[in-house]
Amino acid sequence: MLSPVLTLNIFQKQPGPQVFSAGTVIYEEGQPGELMYGVLEGEVDVVVNNKVVETIAASEVFGVGVLVGVKNRTYTAVAKTECKLAFIDESAFLFAVQETPTFALKVMKSYSERLSRVEHQLSSF
């Protein structure tokens, strides 16, 4: 399986990482999207129905759904702390998958685990 370090390296190679201040909305539920993100530093909260359902830490990825067929964002992403995020679009994602096939497995595992956790959290509210 792909290590978090290798996943982070793929994102660190991308140009123009962005820094978000704590409390800044990165994107909102329902918005269309074209980018997935890798957390280089800091933490990001996953918010559904105005409730934090998960916190994403450094070396993790999020927002992948829009690159694999989901039309709009399924949750709001908010910087929990000041965070530095790298991002990739569909062409960079496909290139990373082609060059490092285990990257796709890591991303899919992360995506499916997050979906399961969010569904569990929502069912308990």
N, C-alpha and C. Protein backbone atom coordinates (compact mmCIF):
# COMPACT_ATOMS: atom_id res chain seq x y z
N MET A 1 0.85 -1.18 0.00
CA MET A 1 0.00 0.00 0.00
C MET A 1 0.89 1.24 0.00
N LEU A 2 0.39 2.29 -0.59
CA LEU A 2 1.13 3.54 -0.71
C LEU A 2 1.24 4.21 0.66
N SER A 3 2.43 4.60 1.00
CA SER A 3 2.64 5.23 2.30
C SER A 3 2.17 6.68 2.27
N PRO A 4 1.82 7.24 3.45
CA PRO A 4 1.46 8.66 3.50
C PRO A 4 2.58 9.56 3.00
N VAL A 5 3.83 9.16 3.20
CA VAL A 5 4.96 9.97 2.75
C VAL A 5 4.97 10.06 1.23
N LEU A 6 4.73 8.94 0.54
CA LEU A 6 4.71 8.96 -0.92
C LEU A 6 3.52 9.78 -1.42
N THR A 7 2.37 9.64 -0.78
CA THR A 7 1.21 10.45 -1.15
C THR A 7 1.55 11.92 -1.00
N LEU A 8 2.16 12.28 0.10
CA LEU A 8 2.55 13.66 0.35
C LEU A 8 3.54 14.13 -0.70
N ASN A 9 4.49 13.28 -1.09
CA ASN A 9 5.47 13.65 -2.11
C ASN A 9 4.79 13.97 -3.45
N ILE A 10 3.77 13.23 -3.81
CA ILE A 10 3.05 13.50 -5.05
C ILE A 10 2.45 14.90 -5.00
N PHE A 11 1.87 15.27 -3.87
CA PHE A 11 1.29 16.60 -3.74
C PHE A 11 2.34 17.69 -3.62
N GLN A 12 3.46 17.40 -2.97
CA GLN A 12 4.51 18.40 -2.83
C GLN A 12 5.12 18.77 -4.17
N LYS A 13 5.01 17.91 -5.16
CA LYS A 13 5.54 18.19 -6.50
C LYS A 13 4.65 19.15 -7.27
N GLN A 14 3.45 19.39 -6.79
CA GLN A 14 2.52 20.27 -7.50
C GLN A 14 2.88 21.73 -7.25
N PRO A 15 2.73 22.58 -8.27
CA PRO A 15 3.05 23.99 -8.11
C PRO A 15 1.99 24.73 -7.29
N GLY A 16 2.42 25.77 -6.62
CA GLY A 16 1.50 26.71 -5.99
C GLY A 16 0.65 26.23 -4.85
N PRO A 17 1.23 25.59 -3.81
CA PRO A 17 0.39 25.26 -2.66
C PRO A 17 -0.21 26.54 -2.08
N GLN A 18 -1.36 26.41 -1.45
CA GLN A 18 -2.04 27.56 -0.86
C GLN A 18 -2.13 27.41 0.65
N VAL A 19 -2.05 28.54 1.34
CA VAL A 19 -2.19 28.56 2.79
C VAL A 19 -3.58 29.13 3.11
N PHE A 20 -4.29 28.44 3.98
CA PHE A 20 -5.62 28.86 4.42
C PHE A 20 -5.56 29.13 5.92
N SER A 21 -6.10 30.25 6.35
CA SER A 21 -6.16 30.59 7.77
C SER A 21 -7.22 29.74 8.45
N ALA A 22 -7.06 29.51 9.74
CA ALA A 22 -8.05 28.77 10.51
C ALA A 22 -9.41 29.40 10.32
N GLY A 23 -10.42 28.57 10.09
CA GLY A 23 -11.79 29.05 9.91
C GLY A 23 -12.17 29.37 8.47
N THR A 24 -11.22 29.36 7.56
CA THR A 24 -11.50 29.66 6.16
C THR A 24 -12.19 28.47 5.49
N VAL A 25 -13.26 28.75 4.77
CA VAL A 25 -13.95 27.72 4.00
C VAL A 25 -13.15 27.46 2.73
N ILE A 26 -12.75 26.23 2.53
CA ILE A 26 -11.99 25.83 1.35
C ILE A 26 -12.96 25.60 0.20
N TYR A 27 -14.03 24.88 0.46
CA TYR A 27 -15.15 24.76 -0.48
C TYR A 27 -16.39 24.38 0.31
N GLU A 28 -17.55 24.61 -0.33
CA GLU A 28 -18.82 24.33 0.33
C GLU A 28 -19.56 23.17 -0.33
N GLU A 29 -20.31 22.47 0.50
CA GLU A 29 -21.16 21.38 0.03
C GLU A 29 -22.05 21.89 -1.10
N GLY A 30 -22.16 21.10 -2.16
CA GLY A 30 -23.02 21.46 -3.28
C GLY A 30 -22.32 22.20 -4.40
N GLN A 31 -21.15 22.77 -4.12
CA GLN A 31 -20.41 23.49 -5.16
C GLN A 31 -19.81 22.50 -6.16
N PRO A 32 -19.73 22.92 -7.43
CA PRO A 32 -18.98 22.09 -8.36
C PRO A 32 -17.50 22.19 -8.01
N GLY A 33 -16.73 21.21 -8.41
CA GLY A 33 -15.31 21.25 -8.11
C GLY A 33 -14.49 20.61 -9.21
N GLU A 34 -13.23 21.00 -9.27
CA GLU A 34 -12.31 20.45 -10.27
C GLU A 34 -10.98 20.02 -9.66
N LEU A 35 -10.84 20.16 -8.33
CA LEU A 35 -9.57 19.88 -7.68
C LEU A 35 -9.75 18.94 -6.50
N MET A 36 -8.73 18.11 -6.28
CA MET A 36 -8.62 17.39 -5.01
C MET A 36 -7.43 17.98 -4.28
N TYR A 37 -7.39 17.80 -2.98
CA TYR A 37 -6.39 18.45 -2.15
C TYR A 37 -5.58 17.44 -1.35
N GLY A 38 -4.34 17.80 -1.07
CA GLY A 38 -3.49 17.08 -0.17
C GLY A 38 -3.07 18.03 0.94
N VAL A 39 -3.20 17.60 2.17
CA VAL A 39 -2.85 18.45 3.31
C VAL A 39 -1.35 18.31 3.56
N LEU A 40 -0.61 19.38 3.30
CA LEU A 40 0.83 19.39 3.55
C LEU A 40 1.13 19.73 5.01
N GLU A 41 0.35 20.66 5.56
CA GLU A 41 0.50 21.08 6.96
C GLU A 41 -0.87 21.47 7.49
N GLY A 42 -1.12 21.22 8.77
CA GLY A 42 -2.36 21.65 9.41
C GLY A 42 -3.45 20.60 9.35
N GLU A 43 -4.70 21.07 9.63
CA GLU A 43 -5.85 20.18 9.67
C GLU A 43 -7.06 20.85 9.01
N VAL A 44 -7.91 20.02 8.43
CA VAL A 44 -9.12 20.48 7.75
C VAL A 44 -10.31 19.72 8.32
N ASP A 45 -11.38 20.46 8.65
CA ASP A 45 -12.61 19.82 9.14
C ASP A 45 -13.55 19.53 7.98
N VAL A 46 -14.19 18.36 8.04
CA VAL A 46 -15.25 17.97 7.13
C VAL A 46 -16.56 18.30 7.84
N VAL A 47 -17.37 19.14 7.21
CA VAL A 47 -18.61 19.62 7.82
C VAL A 47 -19.81 19.20 6.96
N VAL A 48 -20.77 18.54 7.59
CA VAL A 48 -22.01 18.16 6.93
C VAL A 48 -23.16 18.62 7.81
N ASN A 49 -24.12 19.32 7.24
CA ASN A 49 -25.27 19.85 7.99
C ASN A 49 -24.81 20.65 9.21
N ASN A 50 -23.79 21.48 9.00
CA ASN A 50 -23.24 22.36 10.04
C ASN A 50 -22.62 21.62 11.22
N LYS A 51 -22.26 20.35 11.02
CA LYS A 51 -21.61 19.57 12.08
C LYS A 51 -20.29 19.02 11.57
N VAL A 52 -19.25 19.14 12.39
CA VAL A 52 -17.95 18.56 12.03
C VAL A 52 -18.06 17.06 12.19
N VAL A 53 -17.83 16.32 11.11
CA VAL A 53 -17.95 14.87 11.17
C VAL A 53 -16.60 14.18 11.08
N GLU A 54 -15.56 14.93 10.71
CA GLU A 54 -14.22 14.35 10.62
C GLU A 54 -13.20 15.48 10.52
N THR A 55 -11.98 15.19 10.97
CA THR A 55 -10.86 16.11 10.79
C THR A 55 -9.80 15.41 9.96
N ILE A 56 -9.35 16.08 8.91
CA ILE A 56 -8.34 15.54 8.00
C ILE A 56 -7.00 16.13 8.39
N ALA A 57 -6.02 15.26 8.59
CA ALA A 57 -4.69 15.67 9.07
C ALA A 57 -3.68 15.74 7.93
N ALA A 58 -2.49 16.24 8.25
CA ALA A 58 -1.40 16.32 7.29
C ALA A 58 -1.12 14.95 6.69
N SER A 59 -0.79 14.94 5.42
CA SER A 59 -0.48 13.78 4.58
C SER A 59 -1.72 13.06 4.07
N GLU A 60 -2.91 13.54 4.42
CA GLU A 60 -4.14 12.95 3.92
C GLU A 60 -4.67 13.75 2.74
N VAL A 61 -5.56 13.12 1.96
CA VAL A 61 -6.16 13.77 0.80
C VAL A 61 -7.66 13.92 1.01
N PHE A 62 -8.24 14.89 0.30
CA PHE A 62 -9.70 15.06 0.34
C PHE A 62 -10.16 15.76 -0.93
N GLY A 63 -11.46 15.69 -1.16
CA GLY A 63 -12.04 16.33 -2.33
C GLY A 63 -11.93 15.52 -3.60
N VAL A 64 -11.61 14.25 -3.48
CA VAL A 64 -11.37 13.41 -4.65
C VAL A 64 -12.64 13.09 -5.43
N GLY A 65 -13.78 13.14 -4.79
CA GLY A 65 -15.04 12.76 -5.43
C GLY A 65 -15.27 13.43 -6.77
N VAL A 66 -14.95 14.72 -6.86
CA VAL A 66 -15.21 15.44 -8.12
C VAL A 66 -14.31 14.97 -9.25
N LEU A 67 -13.24 14.24 -8.93
CA LEU A 67 -12.36 13.72 -9.98
C LEU A 67 -12.74 12.31 -10.41
N VAL A 68 -13.65 11.69 -9.68
CA VAL A 68 -14.05 10.32 -10.01
C VAL A 68 -15.55 10.21 -10.29
N GLY A 69 -16.16 11.31 -10.74
CA GLY A 69 -17.54 11.23 -11.21
C GLY A 69 -18.60 11.90 -10.38
N VAL A 70 -18.32 12.34 -9.17
CA VAL A 70 -19.31 13.05 -8.36
C VAL A 70 -19.33 14.50 -8.86
N LYS A 71 -20.51 15.00 -9.23
CA LYS A 71 -20.58 16.32 -9.86
C LYS A 71 -20.31 17.47 -8.90
N ASN A 72 -20.84 17.38 -7.70
CA ASN A 72 -20.70 18.49 -6.74
C ASN A 72 -20.11 17.99 -5.43
N ARG A 73 -19.55 18.93 -4.68
CA ARG A 73 -18.96 18.62 -3.38
C ARG A 73 -20.02 18.04 -2.46
N THR A 74 -19.66 17.01 -1.72
CA THR A 74 -20.62 16.34 -0.84
C THR A 74 -20.52 16.81 0.61
N TYR A 75 -19.55 17.66 0.90
CA TYR A 75 -19.40 18.22 2.23
C TYR A 75 -18.66 19.55 2.12
N THR A 76 -18.70 20.31 3.20
CA THR A 76 -17.95 21.56 3.28
C THR A 76 -16.61 21.26 3.93
N ALA A 77 -15.55 21.84 3.38
CA ALA A 77 -14.20 21.68 3.95
C ALA A 77 -13.77 23.03 4.52
N VAL A 78 -13.40 23.02 5.81
CA VAL A 78 -13.02 24.24 6.52
C VAL A 78 -11.66 24.03 7.18
N ALA A 79 -10.77 25.01 7.03
CA ALA A 79 -9.47 24.92 7.68
C ALA A 79 -9.67 24.96 9.19
N LYS A 80 -9.31 23.89 9.88
CA LYS A 80 -9.42 23.84 11.34
C LYS A 80 -8.30 24.65 11.97
N THR A 81 -7.12 24.51 11.40
CA THR A 81 -5.95 25.27 11.82
C THR A 81 -5.42 25.96 10.57
N GLU A 82 -4.44 26.82 10.72
CA GLU A 82 -3.79 27.32 9.51
C GLU A 82 -3.26 26.09 8.79
N CYS A 83 -3.51 26.00 7.51
CA CYS A 83 -3.07 24.81 6.80
C CYS A 83 -2.52 25.19 5.42
N LYS A 84 -1.62 24.34 4.98
CA LYS A 84 -1.02 24.48 3.66
C LYS A 84 -1.50 23.30 2.83
N LEU A 85 -2.16 23.62 1.71
CA LEU A 85 -2.75 22.59 0.88
C LEU A 85 -2.18 22.64 -0.52
N ALA A 86 -1.87 21.47 -1.05
CA ALA A 86 -1.53 21.34 -2.46
C ALA A 86 -2.77 20.78 -3.15
N PHE A 87 -2.86 20.98 -4.43
CA PHE A 87 -4.04 20.52 -5.14
C PHE A 87 -3.65 19.98 -6.50
N ILE A 88 -4.49 19.08 -7.00
CA ILE A 88 -4.29 18.56 -8.35
C ILE A 88 -5.63 18.52 -9.06
N ASP A 89 -5.58 18.75 -10.36
CA ASP A 89 -6.77 18.66 -11.19
C ASP A 89 -6.86 17.26 -11.81
N GLU A 90 -7.84 17.06 -12.66
CA GLU A 90 -8.05 15.73 -13.22
C GLU A 90 -6.86 15.23 -14.03
N SER A 91 -6.25 16.09 -14.84
CA SER A 91 -5.12 15.63 -15.66
C SER A 91 -3.93 15.25 -14.79
N ALA A 92 -3.65 16.02 -13.75
CA ALA A 92 -2.54 15.68 -12.84
C ALA A 92 -2.87 14.41 -12.05
N PHE A 93 -4.14 14.24 -11.68
CA PHE A 93 -4.57 13.03 -10.98
C PHE A 93 -4.36 11.79 -11.86
N LEU A 94 -4.79 11.89 -13.12
CA LEU A 94 -4.63 10.76 -14.04
C LEU A 94 -3.16 10.45 -14.29
N PHE A 95 -2.33 11.49 -14.37
CA PHE A 95 -0.90 11.28 -14.54
C PHE A 95 -0.32 10.57 -13.32
N ALA A 96 -0.70 11.02 -12.11
CA ALA A 96 -0.20 10.40 -10.88
C ALA A 96 -0.63 8.94 -10.80
N VAL A 97 -1.85 8.65 -11.21
CA VAL A 97 -2.36 7.27 -11.21
C VAL A 97 -1.57 6.43 -12.20
N GLN A 98 -1.28 6.98 -13.36
CA GLN A 98 -0.53 6.24 -14.38
C GLN A 98 0.90 5.99 -13.93
N GLU A 99 1.54 6.98 -13.34
CA GLU A 99 2.93 6.86 -12.91
C GLU A 99 3.08 6.04 -11.64
N THR A 100 2.09 6.12 -10.75
CA THR A 100 2.14 5.42 -9.46
C THR A 100 0.77 4.79 -9.21
N PRO A 101 0.51 3.63 -9.81
CA PRO A 101 -0.82 3.02 -9.69
C PRO A 101 -1.29 2.83 -8.24
N THR A 102 -0.39 2.63 -7.32
CA THR A 102 -0.82 2.45 -5.93
C THR A 102 -1.38 3.75 -5.35
N PHE A 103 -1.07 4.89 -5.99
CA PHE A 103 -1.67 6.16 -5.58
C PHE A 103 -3.19 6.08 -5.71
N ALA A 104 -3.67 5.48 -6.80
CA ALA A 104 -5.12 5.33 -6.99
C ALA A 104 -5.73 4.50 -5.88
N LEU A 105 -5.04 3.44 -5.48
CA LEU A 105 -5.55 2.60 -4.39
C LEU A 105 -5.63 3.38 -3.09
N LYS A 106 -4.60 4.16 -2.80
CA LYS A 106 -4.59 4.97 -1.57
C LYS A 106 -5.74 5.97 -1.58
N VAL A 107 -5.92 6.64 -2.71
CA VAL A 107 -6.98 7.63 -2.81
C VAL A 107 -8.35 6.98 -2.68
N MET A 108 -8.56 5.87 -3.35
CA MET A 108 -9.85 5.18 -3.28
C MET A 108 -10.12 4.67 -1.87
N LYS A 109 -9.10 4.14 -1.21
CA LYS A 109 -9.26 3.67 0.16
C LYS A 109 -9.63 4.83 1.08
N SER A 110 -8.92 5.94 0.95
CA SER A 110 -9.21 7.13 1.75
C SER A 110 -10.64 7.61 1.51
N TYR A 111 -11.03 7.65 0.25
CA TYR A 111 -12.36 8.13 -0.13
C TYR A 111 -13.45 7.22 0.44
N SER A 112 -13.30 5.91 0.29
CA SER A 112 -14.33 4.99 0.77
C SER A 112 -14.39 4.96 2.29
N GLU A 113 -13.24 5.03 2.95
CA GLU A 113 -13.24 5.06 4.42
C GLU A 113 -13.89 6.34 4.94
N ARG A 114 -13.60 7.48 4.29
CA ARG A 114 -14.20 8.74 4.71
C ARG A 114 -15.71 8.68 4.51
N LEU A 115 -16.16 8.16 3.39
CA LEU A 115 -17.59 8.04 3.13
C LEU A 115 -18.27 7.19 4.20
N SER A 116 -17.66 6.08 4.55
CA SER A 116 -18.22 5.22 5.59
C SER A 116 -18.29 5.93 6.94
N ARG A 117 -17.22 6.64 7.30
CA ARG A 117 -17.21 7.36 8.58
C ARG A 117 -18.26 8.47 8.60
N VAL A 118 -18.37 9.20 7.51
CA VAL A 118 -19.35 10.29 7.45
C VAL A 118 -20.76 9.74 7.54
N GLU A 119 -21.04 8.65 6.81
CA GLU A 119 -22.36 8.04 6.88
C GLU A 119 -22.67 7.57 8.30
N HIS A 120 -21.67 6.98 8.97
CA HIS A 120 -21.87 6.54 10.35
C HIS A 120 -22.14 7.73 11.27
N GLN A 121 -21.37 8.78 11.12
CA GLN A 121 -21.55 9.98 11.95
C GLN A 121 -22.95 10.57 11.72
N LEU A 122 -23.37 10.66 10.47
CA LEU A 122 -24.67 11.25 10.17
C LEU A 122 -25.81 10.41 10.73
N SER A 123 -25.66 9.10 10.72
CA SER A 123 -26.71 8.24 11.24
C SER A 123 -26.84 8.33 12.76
N SER A 124 -25.77 8.82 13.42
CA SER A 124 -25.81 8.93 14.89
C SER A 124 -26.33 10.29 15.36
N PHE A 125 -26.55 11.21 14.42
CA PHE A 125 -27.06 12.56 14.83
C PHE A 125 -28.54 12.53 15.03
